[in-house]
Structure formats: C-alpha cells, structure tokens
Amino acid sequence: MTTFQTIAVIGLGYIGLPTAAILATNGLDVIGVDVNQRTVDAVNDGRVPFVEPDLGVHVAGAVSQGRLKATTGTPAADAYIVAVPTPFKADKGADLSYIEAAARGIAPVLQGGELIILESTSPPGATRHLGEYIVSLRPDLSLDGANGKPAILLAHCPERVLPGRVMIELVTNDRIVGGITRRAAELAKDLYSVFCQGEILITDDVTAEMAKLVENSYRDVNIAFANELSVISDRLGINVWELIRLANHHPRVDILQPGPGVGGHCIAVDPWFIVAAAPAESRLIRTARTVNDEKPSWVVQQVLEASAKLAGDSEIAVLGLAFKANIDDLRESPAIDIAHAIAEALPATHINVAEPHIEALPERLQRRDNVRLIALEEAVGRSALVVVLVDHDAVRALPPEVLAGKLLVDTRGVFSA
C-alpha cells in the first residue's frame, strides 16, 4: 500500500492526464496542473481535450468521485509527477525549459521529503538537472540530506505507452524506475504499484533515462531500414509491400512497414538526445534519423511527379495528418510537412485534406489558401490524385472501387500491398 495520498501531476497532455486519471481511479487524490486554462476547465468538467480511447471514462469517474481536479497553480503534495514536453532545439539538443518551468512551480511549495518523478522523455542527466534546479531555488533543501538539510527524492520513470492504447498499457506494461538515490527509486516503485500490473524494474536515474531513448532509437533504426527499402524498391520497380511480406517468411526476419516518415513525441525526437550526448559514437542512430527525416521530401517528389500527369483543374486528396493511425495527435507528424510542401509547390491546385480525428487544420495549413479540411469520402470523390499518408481505419475501409481511374501515391500500403 502506498504511503502517498495526494499526488500532483504537472502537465495534463497525452501522458500526464492518463497518469493522473489512473492514479485517481485507484484511490489517490490527484491534482492535475496545466498552463492551459481550457485544459484545466475540461478536466474539471470531466472531459478529455484530446482523443484517447477509454480515457474519458476514467477522467469522468475520477472527477465525479472527487479524486481528480485540475488547476493552473502548483499545490503542495506528497509526490509530484512531471510530464511536460521535452522538444529538441534547432541544434537537436533537448529543450529543458518546460522542465525548469515545472521546477519553478514546485519549488516554493516543498517542505522536504517529497518524491518528484520526471516522466518526460529526457536526455541523460535531466532528472538530476531537475533536482539541482529545484535546490538552486530552495537552498534550504538538498538531494541527499547533507548538512542536515531536508532532502527531496528525485526519480525518473519514462512512459512507454502506445497512443490509442494508453489506458491499457499504463496498467499492463513493465516500467523502469531510476532514482538518484535507492530510496527515491523504491518510493517511486511503491507509487506506480498502485496501478501497474507489469514488472517494475529499479535502476539509477541516468540508466532509466537512457533506456527510454534506446527503446525508441531501436524502433527508429528499424523503421529507417523499411523506409530505405521502399526508396530502393521504387528505383528497381519492385512492390515493397510484397518484398517485405516475402522476406518476413524467413524465421529470423521481421521487417517493419515503411511509411511517409516518422512522427510523434518520441521516435522522431528521442534518438537526437543520444546523438547530442555522444555525437562521435552514435553513427548508426544518426544515419537512421537522417533516412527517416528525408523520407517526407521523397514522398513529396512522388506526388509532384504524379501531379504532372493531371489536367490543370484537377484536385489532390491527402488522407491523414496524424502521426499514426486512429488518433488525433499531430506532433512531429511528417504528414503535415508533406501536405504543406504539396500545397506550396502547387499553389493553383486544391488540396483536399481528410483527417477524421480533427476539427480544424493546423495553423501552417490554414495559412495556405489552396488547402481545406473536408470529409474523407468527399476528398476522394473530388480528387484525381489520392495521397495516402495515414492508414486510419476509415481510410482502410474505403472500397477500392472509389479509387478507380485515379492516380494513387500510397505511402502506407493500404491499397498497394
């Protein structure tokens, strides 16, 4: 049984809000903190401000039971979970400003003895940086109890859930907990044991940080292999989907599926943290990132070559903007870059974007006069060229006959496999 009762979750995004909700529905009092007043209002109304299956039930239930509430100010609590963004900067290094902002909110309300867990995917050393930053604001506290100063307990527990399955995988997946001290790691394990049915593995903070980066870099390298195969196959006139299907019949081969690039808050970002930490040694990881970052430009070229075959008044359908199927998450999505590049290269052509999980185009696309967001069936029906960027279930459900007589650039193998 956990010794904690009140938990503050800093950041109510795609990871923070599910974590807050699962803790609250398991009997803890949870206060969610976010800088966005609309997010705070939505949570306090029992609503979820983004798409994630089953999360709405948890949030509504926790709020109605009085276990979950949200605010813009950081409260006093027994434990803090920091789940704020850690984007990369222009030089590909990590932007820790959101973590530092969270620290500035937490520091004034600390008494000593609190557990502070960083869940944000971070470069090696970020958890210690968080702790040292707090202590710099509160020199009456310490990380180790030295000189009789009360200690705060710092740990890192990286999220490892799949969008669209977050509420399932929060409970079932194994977790890694790394503490600056052993005591911090053990207390963090105690807290996550409230809801986690998977194995909770204890290590130090830097190893835990690196483990998450390695997991996503492994995926990135394997996706890069598939994406490079798709480019090679196109040059050689080979159907890459058939090629991969045949190769995967080997008992020790499991090639992933190619796509238009790599997006999301993890795989498209995390490998750069390793590259920044060890630039001379991370040659393969850097190359994989380059391959995946270059794939959208290759897709755009495929579309422009196909569009050259169209009549002057023809329209183009772009199917999907999210970074993966069946979610509304647009973070780092290559589909947005591709749609924007097509619209910019073909300013006289109507670009019909179909993304069933959003209600408005992202700002970059709103600024293009030739781009509009319309229903999936209408987008396909109006267009002479169809570009498949995301394999949403709704896209896969399209009957093949609706594509009859249309040109097709299928980056997901929905109709080309």
Protein backbone atom coordinates (compact mmCIF):
# COMPACT_ATOMS: atom_id res chain seq x y z
CA MET A 1 0.00 0.00 0.00
CA THR A 2 1.46 3.34 -1.00
CA THR A 3 2.39 5.86 1.67
CA PHE A 4 1.31 8.71 -0.62
CA GLN A 5 -2.15 10.20 -0.63
CA THR A 6 -2.02 13.45 -2.61
CA ILE A 7 -0.28 13.45 -5.97
CA ALA A 8 0.30 16.45 -8.24
CA VAL A 9 0.72 15.71 -11.94
CA ILE A 10 2.39 18.57 -13.79
CA GLY A 11 1.29 18.63 -17.42
CA LEU A 12 -2.10 17.25 -18.50
CA GLY A 13 -1.23 16.14 -22.01
CA TYR A 14 -1.22 12.75 -23.70
CA ILE A 15 0.76 11.17 -20.82
CA GLY A 16 0.05 13.36 -17.80
CA LEU A 17 -3.74 13.22 -17.93
CA PRO A 18 -3.95 9.41 -18.32
CA THR A 19 -1.47 9.03 -15.45
CA ALA A 20 -3.47 11.39 -13.27
CA ALA A 21 -6.70 9.59 -14.12
CA ILE A 22 -5.36 6.09 -13.45
CA LEU A 23 -3.94 7.16 -10.08
CA ALA A 24 -7.24 8.81 -9.13
CA THR A 25 -9.36 5.83 -10.12
CA ASN A 26 -7.11 3.71 -7.91
CA GLY A 27 -7.96 5.71 -4.81
CA LEU A 28 -5.43 8.54 -4.63
CA ASP A 29 -6.25 12.24 -4.53
CA VAL A 30 -4.77 13.77 -7.66
CA ILE A 31 -4.36 17.41 -8.63
CA GLY A 32 -3.51 17.99 -12.25
CA VAL A 33 -1.59 21.13 -13.17
CA ASP A 34 -1.52 22.68 -16.62
CA VAL A 35 -0.75 26.11 -18.06
CA ASN A 36 -3.70 25.86 -20.47
CA GLN A 37 -6.88 27.10 -18.81
CA ARG A 38 -9.05 25.32 -21.38
CA THR A 39 -7.41 22.00 -20.47
CA VAL A 40 -7.97 22.70 -16.78
CA ASP A 41 -11.62 23.59 -17.37
CA ALA A 42 -12.17 20.48 -19.49
CA VAL A 43 -10.73 18.18 -16.84
CA ASN A 44 -12.74 19.81 -14.06
CA ASP A 45 -15.84 19.23 -16.20
CA GLY A 46 -14.87 15.56 -16.54
CA ARG A 47 -13.95 15.94 -20.21
CA VAL A 48 -10.85 14.95 -22.17
CA PRO A 49 -9.42 17.61 -24.52
CA PHE A 50 -7.94 15.09 -26.98
CA VAL A 51 -8.67 11.64 -28.42
CA GLU A 52 -7.60 8.61 -26.41
CA PRO A 53 -9.82 5.52 -26.10
CA ASP A 54 -11.21 4.80 -22.60
CA LEU A 55 -9.58 7.87 -21.04
CA GLY A 56 -12.88 9.76 -20.91
CA VAL A 57 -14.46 7.14 -18.68
CA HIS A 58 -11.57 7.32 -16.22
CA VAL A 59 -11.50 11.12 -16.11
CA ALA A 60 -15.27 11.48 -15.74
CA GLY A 61 -15.35 8.85 -13.00
CA ALA A 62 -12.42 10.28 -11.07
CA VAL A 63 -13.80 13.82 -11.21
CA SER A 64 -17.29 12.74 -10.15
CA GLN A 65 -15.78 10.87 -7.18
CA GLY A 66 -13.83 13.95 -6.13
CA ARG A 67 -10.49 12.21 -6.65
CA LEU A 68 -9.29 14.31 -9.58
CA LYS A 69 -9.27 18.05 -10.08
CA ALA A 70 -7.18 20.43 -12.15
CA THR A 71 -5.63 23.84 -11.63
CA THR A 72 -3.10 26.21 -13.17
CA GLY A 73 -1.18 26.62 -9.91
CA THR A 74 1.12 24.00 -8.37
CA PRO A 75 -0.20 22.77 -4.99
CA ALA A 76 1.52 21.18 -2.04
CA ALA A 77 1.51 17.38 -2.43
CA ASP A 78 3.19 14.21 -1.18
CA ALA A 79 4.55 13.40 -4.63
CA TYR A 80 4.91 15.15 -7.97
CA ILE A 81 4.92 13.59 -11.42
CA VAL A 82 6.33 15.88 -14.11
CA ALA A 83 5.01 15.05 -17.57
CA VAL A 84 5.80 18.13 -19.64
CA PRO A 85 7.15 18.35 -23.21
CA THR A 86 10.87 17.97 -23.95
CA PRO A 87 11.20 19.01 -27.60
CA PHE A 88 14.53 19.35 -29.33
CA LYS A 89 16.06 22.69 -30.26
CA ALA A 90 17.45 23.78 -33.62
CA ASP A 91 20.77 22.09 -32.79
CA LYS A 92 18.88 18.84 -31.92
CA GLY A 93 19.70 19.20 -28.24
CA ALA A 94 16.93 18.87 -25.68
CA ASP A 95 14.88 21.90 -24.67
CA LEU A 96 14.60 21.59 -20.88
CA SER A 97 12.75 24.87 -20.42
CA TYR A 98 9.42 23.13 -19.73
CA ILE A 99 11.05 21.00 -17.04
CA GLU A 100 12.58 24.11 -15.50
CA ALA A 101 9.20 25.86 -15.57
CA ALA A 102 7.69 22.88 -13.72
CA ALA A 103 10.51 23.13 -11.18
CA ARG A 104 9.76 26.80 -10.59
CA GLY A 105 6.18 25.88 -9.79
CA ILE A 106 7.10 23.02 -7.47
CA ALA A 107 9.96 24.62 -5.52
CA PRO A 108 8.00 27.14 -3.42
CA VAL A 109 5.58 24.55 -2.01
CA LEU A 110 8.12 21.93 -0.93
CA GLN A 111 8.70 21.08 2.72
CA GLY A 112 11.28 18.32 2.29
CA GLY A 113 10.70 14.60 1.94
CA GLU A 114 8.55 14.84 -1.19
CA LEU A 115 9.03 12.48 -4.12
CA ILE A 116 9.47 14.14 -7.52
CA ILE A 117 9.28 11.89 -10.57
CA LEU A 118 10.24 13.04 -14.05
CA GLU A 119 8.21 11.14 -16.66
CA SER A 120 9.12 13.37 -19.58
CA THR A 121 11.38 11.63 -22.07
CA SER A 122 14.72 13.25 -21.38
CA PRO A 123 18.42 13.17 -22.22
CA PRO A 124 20.82 11.59 -19.73
CA GLY A 125 21.19 13.83 -16.71
CA ALA A 126 17.83 15.61 -16.99
CA THR A 127 16.44 14.17 -13.75
CA ARG A 128 19.47 15.34 -11.80
CA HIS A 129 19.21 18.69 -13.56
CA LEU A 130 15.60 18.96 -12.36
CA GLY A 131 16.66 18.22 -8.80
CA GLU A 132 19.62 20.59 -8.84
CA TYR A 133 17.48 23.32 -10.38
CA ILE A 134 14.93 22.97 -7.56
CA VAL A 135 17.68 23.05 -4.93
CA SER A 136 19.13 26.19 -6.55
CA LEU A 137 15.72 27.80 -5.96
CA ARG A 138 15.43 26.30 -2.49
CA PRO A 139 18.93 26.19 -0.94
CA ASP A 140 17.37 25.10 2.35
CA LEU A 141 16.70 21.71 0.70
CA SER A 142 19.06 19.05 -0.65
CA LEU A 143 19.13 15.91 -2.79
CA ASP A 144 20.90 13.77 -0.20
CA GLY A 145 20.20 15.22 3.25
CA ALA A 146 23.72 16.64 3.56
CA ASN A 147 24.44 19.28 6.22
CA GLY A 148 21.15 18.49 7.90
CA LYS A 149 19.09 19.94 5.08
CA PRO A 150 15.80 18.12 4.33
CA ALA A 151 16.09 16.00 1.20
CA ILE A 152 13.80 15.80 -1.78
CA LEU A 153 13.66 12.49 -3.59
CA LEU A 154 14.20 12.50 -7.36
CA ALA A 155 13.40 9.64 -9.74
CA HIS A 156 12.85 9.05 -13.44
CA CYS A 157 10.10 6.78 -14.74
CA PRO A 158 9.79 7.07 -18.52
CA GLU A 159 6.42 6.47 -20.11
CA ARG A 160 6.34 3.62 -22.62
CA VAL A 161 2.76 3.51 -23.87
CA LEU A 162 1.31 3.48 -27.37
CA PRO A 163 -1.14 6.25 -28.32
CA GLY A 164 -4.53 4.64 -28.82
CA ARG A 165 -3.76 2.03 -26.13
CA VAL A 166 -2.57 4.25 -23.31
CA MET A 167 -5.12 3.22 -20.69
CA ILE A 168 -4.38 -0.45 -21.32
CA GLU A 169 -0.61 -0.21 -21.46
CA LEU A 170 -0.33 2.06 -18.41
CA VAL A 171 -1.58 -0.92 -16.43
CA THR A 172 -0.06 -3.88 -18.27
CA ASN A 173 3.38 -2.71 -19.44
CA ASP A 174 6.54 -3.19 -17.39
CA ARG A 175 8.02 0.05 -16.04
CA ILE A 176 11.57 1.21 -15.40
CA VAL A 177 12.18 3.36 -12.33
CA GLY A 178 15.52 5.06 -11.82
CA GLY A 179 16.30 7.04 -8.70
CA ILE A 180 19.04 9.49 -7.86
CA THR A 181 19.03 7.52 -4.61
CA ARG A 182 17.87 3.99 -3.93
CA ARG A 183 15.25 5.36 -1.54
CA ALA A 184 13.79 7.53 -4.30
CA ALA A 185 13.59 4.58 -6.68
CA GLU A 186 11.88 2.39 -4.09
CA LEU A 187 9.30 5.06 -3.27
CA ALA A 188 8.60 5.64 -6.96
CA LYS A 189 8.11 1.89 -7.41
CA ASP A 190 5.70 1.97 -4.48
CA LEU A 191 3.68 4.73 -6.14
CA TYR A 192 3.46 3.09 -9.56
CA SER A 193 2.50 -0.21 -7.93
CA VAL A 194 -0.87 1.42 -7.21
CA PHE A 195 -1.93 0.75 -10.81
CA CYS A 196 0.88 -1.02 -12.67
CA GLN A 197 0.42 -4.77 -13.04
CA GLY A 198 3.61 -5.20 -15.04
CA GLU A 199 7.04 -5.69 -13.53
CA ILE A 200 8.60 -2.53 -12.11
CA LEU A 201 12.37 -2.59 -12.58
CA ILE A 202 14.65 -0.44 -10.42
CA THR A 203 17.87 1.19 -11.64
CA ASP A 204 19.64 4.55 -11.40
CA ASP A 205 18.24 7.72 -12.94
CA VAL A 206 20.66 8.02 -15.91
CA THR A 207 20.19 4.39 -16.96
CA ALA A 208 16.41 4.85 -16.82
CA GLU A 209 16.66 7.97 -18.98
CA MET A 210 18.86 6.17 -21.49
CA ALA A 211 16.62 3.09 -21.58
CA LYS A 212 13.71 5.07 -22.99
CA LEU A 213 15.92 6.69 -25.61
CA VAL A 214 17.34 3.31 -26.60
CA GLU A 215 13.87 1.78 -26.96
CA ASN A 216 12.76 4.47 -29.37
CA SER A 217 16.07 4.55 -31.24
CA TYR A 218 15.76 0.80 -31.81
CA ARG A 219 12.39 1.41 -33.42
CA ASP A 220 13.74 4.33 -35.43
CA VAL A 221 16.63 2.30 -36.85
CA ASN A 222 14.27 -0.49 -37.91
CA ILE A 223 11.80 1.93 -39.47
CA ALA A 224 14.67 3.56 -41.35
CA PHE A 225 15.57 0.17 -42.83
CA ALA A 226 11.99 -0.26 -44.07
CA ASN A 227 11.85 3.31 -45.40
CA GLU A 228 15.13 2.89 -47.23
CA LEU A 229 13.85 -0.36 -48.72
CA SER A 230 10.82 1.48 -50.08
CA VAL A 231 13.03 4.02 -51.86
CA ILE A 232 15.29 1.29 -53.28
CA SER A 233 12.29 -0.77 -54.36
CA ASP A 234 10.80 2.18 -56.20
CA ARG A 235 14.08 2.65 -58.08
CA LEU A 236 14.09 -1.03 -59.04
CA GLY A 237 10.40 -1.28 -59.91
CA ILE A 238 9.59 -3.64 -57.02
CA ASN A 239 6.45 -3.62 -54.87
CA VAL A 240 8.00 -3.04 -51.44
CA TRP A 241 4.97 -4.41 -49.61
CA GLU A 242 5.23 -7.73 -51.39
CA LEU A 243 9.01 -7.72 -50.91
CA ILE A 244 8.71 -7.27 -47.14
CA ARG A 245 5.92 -9.84 -46.88
CA LEU A 246 8.06 -12.42 -48.64
CA ALA A 247 11.24 -11.60 -46.68
CA ASN A 248 9.36 -11.84 -43.39
CA HIS A 249 8.64 -15.51 -44.08
CA HIS A 250 12.23 -16.13 -43.00
CA PRO A 251 12.04 -17.35 -39.38
CA ARG A 252 14.51 -14.74 -38.12
CA VAL A 253 13.43 -11.74 -40.20
CA ASP A 254 10.76 -9.25 -39.10
CA ILE A 255 10.97 -6.11 -41.23
CA LEU A 256 8.65 -3.27 -40.25
CA GLN A 257 6.36 -1.45 -42.66
CA PRO A 258 7.57 1.72 -44.40
CA GLY A 259 5.69 5.00 -44.27
CA PRO A 260 5.95 8.69 -45.18
CA GLY A 261 8.43 9.38 -42.38
CA VAL A 262 8.43 9.18 -38.59
CA GLY A 263 6.42 11.39 -36.26
CA GLY A 264 5.17 11.61 -32.72
CA HIS A 265 6.62 12.88 -29.48
CA CYS A 266 9.07 10.00 -29.04
CA ILE A 267 10.59 8.20 -32.01
CA ALA A 268 11.11 11.34 -34.09
CA VAL A 269 12.78 13.16 -31.19
CA ASP A 270 14.46 10.81 -28.72
CA PRO A 271 17.30 9.47 -30.91
CA TRP A 272 18.62 13.02 -31.25
CA PHE A 273 19.14 13.11 -27.48
CA ILE A 274 21.53 10.17 -27.78
CA VAL A 275 23.29 11.80 -30.74
CA ALA A 276 23.68 15.01 -28.74
CA ALA A 277 25.07 13.10 -25.74
CA ALA A 278 27.60 11.07 -27.76
CA PRO A 279 27.88 12.55 -31.27
CA ALA A 280 31.02 10.73 -32.38
CA GLU A 281 29.80 7.31 -31.28
CA SER A 282 26.15 7.35 -32.43
CA ARG A 283 26.75 6.97 -36.17
CA LEU A 284 24.04 4.39 -36.90
CA ILE A 285 21.43 6.22 -34.83
CA ARG A 286 22.24 9.50 -36.61
CA THR A 287 22.02 7.84 -40.04
CA ALA A 288 18.64 6.29 -39.23
CA ARG A 289 17.31 9.70 -38.17
CA THR A 290 18.57 11.19 -41.42
CA VAL A 291 16.91 8.48 -43.52
CA ASN A 292 13.58 8.97 -41.77
CA ASP A 293 13.80 12.76 -41.82
CA GLU A 294 14.42 12.70 -45.58
CA LYS A 295 11.52 10.38 -46.39
CA PRO A 296 8.84 13.15 -46.48
CA SER A 297 10.78 15.00 -49.21
CA TRP A 298 10.89 11.80 -51.25
CA VAL A 299 7.12 11.40 -50.86
CA VAL A 300 6.54 14.99 -51.97
CA GLN A 301 8.60 14.33 -55.10
CA GLN A 302 6.47 11.24 -55.83
CA VAL A 303 3.33 13.36 -55.54
CA LEU A 304 4.68 16.12 -57.77
CA GLU A 305 5.66 13.61 -60.44
CA ALA A 306 2.16 12.11 -60.33
CA SER A 307 0.52 15.55 -60.40
CA ALA A 308 2.33 16.37 -63.64
CA LYS A 309 0.06 13.83 -65.31
CA LEU A 310 -3.12 15.63 -64.19
CA ALA A 311 -5.27 18.13 -66.03
CA GLY A 312 -4.85 21.74 -64.95
CA ASP A 313 -8.04 21.91 -62.83
CA SER A 314 -7.58 18.57 -61.04
CA GLU A 315 -7.65 18.34 -57.25
CA ILE A 316 -5.49 16.27 -54.88
CA ALA A 317 -6.69 14.37 -51.82
CA VAL A 318 -4.37 14.00 -48.83
CA LEU A 319 -5.61 11.28 -46.49
CA GLY A 320 -4.45 11.68 -42.90
CA LEU A 321 -2.45 14.23 -40.89
CA ALA A 322 -1.87 12.43 -37.57
CA PHE A 323 1.49 10.80 -36.94
CA LYS A 324 -0.14 7.36 -36.69
CA ALA A 325 -3.47 5.69 -37.31
CA ASN A 326 -6.68 6.31 -35.35
CA ILE A 327 -5.53 9.17 -33.12
CA ASP A 328 -5.64 12.97 -33.32
CA ASP A 329 -2.02 13.54 -32.28
CA LEU A 330 -0.25 15.76 -34.83
CA ARG A 331 3.06 16.18 -33.01
CA GLU A 332 6.07 15.95 -35.34
CA SER A 333 3.80 14.39 -37.97
CA PRO A 334 5.50 14.05 -41.36
CA ALA A 335 2.06 14.13 -42.99
CA ILE A 336 1.70 17.82 -42.11
CA ASP A 337 5.05 18.65 -43.66
CA ILE A 338 4.12 16.69 -46.79
CA ALA A 339 0.71 18.35 -47.15
CA HIS A 340 2.25 21.78 -46.68
CA ALA A 341 5.01 21.11 -49.22
CA ILE A 342 2.49 19.88 -51.80
CA ALA A 343 0.29 22.94 -51.30
CA GLU A 344 3.30 25.24 -51.57
CA ALA A 345 4.62 23.56 -54.71
CA LEU A 346 1.17 23.53 -56.40
CA PRO A 347 -0.44 26.84 -55.39
CA ALA A 348 -3.08 26.64 -58.13
CA THR A 349 -4.24 23.15 -57.10
CA HIS A 350 -6.94 22.47 -54.49
CA ILE A 351 -5.57 20.19 -51.76
CA ASN A 352 -8.42 18.30 -50.05
CA VAL A 353 -7.23 17.13 -46.64
CA ALA A 354 -9.20 14.37 -44.93
CA GLU A 355 -8.32 13.84 -41.26
CA PRO A 356 -11.35 12.40 -39.44
CA HIS A 357 -9.90 12.95 -35.95
CA ILE A 358 -9.54 16.74 -36.00
CA GLU A 359 -11.99 19.61 -36.43
CA ALA A 360 -9.60 22.24 -37.79
CA LEU A 361 -6.42 22.27 -39.82
CA PRO A 362 -3.15 23.03 -38.04
CA GLU A 363 -2.15 26.67 -38.39
CA ARG A 364 0.51 26.04 -41.03
CA LEU A 365 -2.07 24.59 -43.37
CA GLN A 366 -4.72 27.15 -42.52
CA ARG A 367 -2.42 29.78 -43.96
CA ARG A 368 -2.47 28.07 -47.37
CA ASP A 369 -5.38 29.33 -49.47
CA ASN A 370 -5.48 26.12 -51.52
CA VAL A 371 -5.86 23.72 -48.58
CA ARG A 372 -9.18 22.73 -46.99
CA LEU A 373 -10.29 20.10 -44.48
CA ILE A 374 -13.23 18.06 -45.78
CA ALA A 375 -14.83 14.67 -45.23
CA LEU A 376 -12.94 11.59 -46.36
CA GLU A 377 -15.42 10.43 -49.00
CA GLU A 378 -15.74 13.91 -50.45
CA ALA A 379 -11.97 14.39 -50.59
CA VAL A 380 -11.52 11.17 -52.53
CA GLY A 381 -14.51 11.79 -54.75
CA ARG A 382 -13.40 15.28 -55.79
CA SER A 383 -9.76 14.40 -56.45
CA ALA A 384 -7.91 12.92 -59.39
CA LEU A 385 -4.83 12.11 -57.30
CA VAL A 386 -5.11 10.43 -53.88
CA VAL A 387 -2.18 10.53 -51.45
CA VAL A 388 -2.44 8.09 -48.51
CA LEU A 389 -0.34 9.31 -45.58
CA VAL A 390 -2.08 7.71 -42.58
CA ASP A 391 -3.76 4.30 -42.52
CA HIS A 392 -6.71 5.24 -40.33
CA ASP A 393 -9.39 2.55 -40.12
CA ALA A 394 -11.67 4.88 -42.07
CA VAL A 395 -9.10 5.02 -44.88
CA ARG A 396 -8.68 1.25 -44.90
CA ALA A 397 -12.46 0.89 -45.08
CA LEU A 398 -12.68 2.79 -48.36
CA PRO A 399 -13.85 0.40 -51.09
CA PRO A 400 -11.18 0.01 -53.80
CA GLU A 401 -13.69 0.99 -56.49
CA VAL A 402 -13.74 4.62 -55.25
CA LEU A 403 -10.14 4.87 -56.48
CA ALA A 404 -10.98 3.62 -59.97
CA GLY A 405 -9.42 5.88 -62.58
CA LYS A 406 -7.49 7.93 -60.02
CA LEU A 407 -3.75 8.27 -59.60
CA LEU A 408 -2.50 6.95 -56.26
CA VAL A 409 0.53 7.62 -54.04
CA ASP A 410 0.13 5.13 -51.21
CA THR A 411 2.79 5.53 -48.52
CA ARG A 412 1.13 3.04 -46.16
CA GLY A 413 0.40 0.13 -48.47
CA VAL A 414 -3.34 0.39 -47.84
CA PHE A 415 -4.20 -0.16 -51.49
CA SER A 416 -0.79 -1.11 -52.88
CA ALA A 417 0.16 -4.13 -50.77
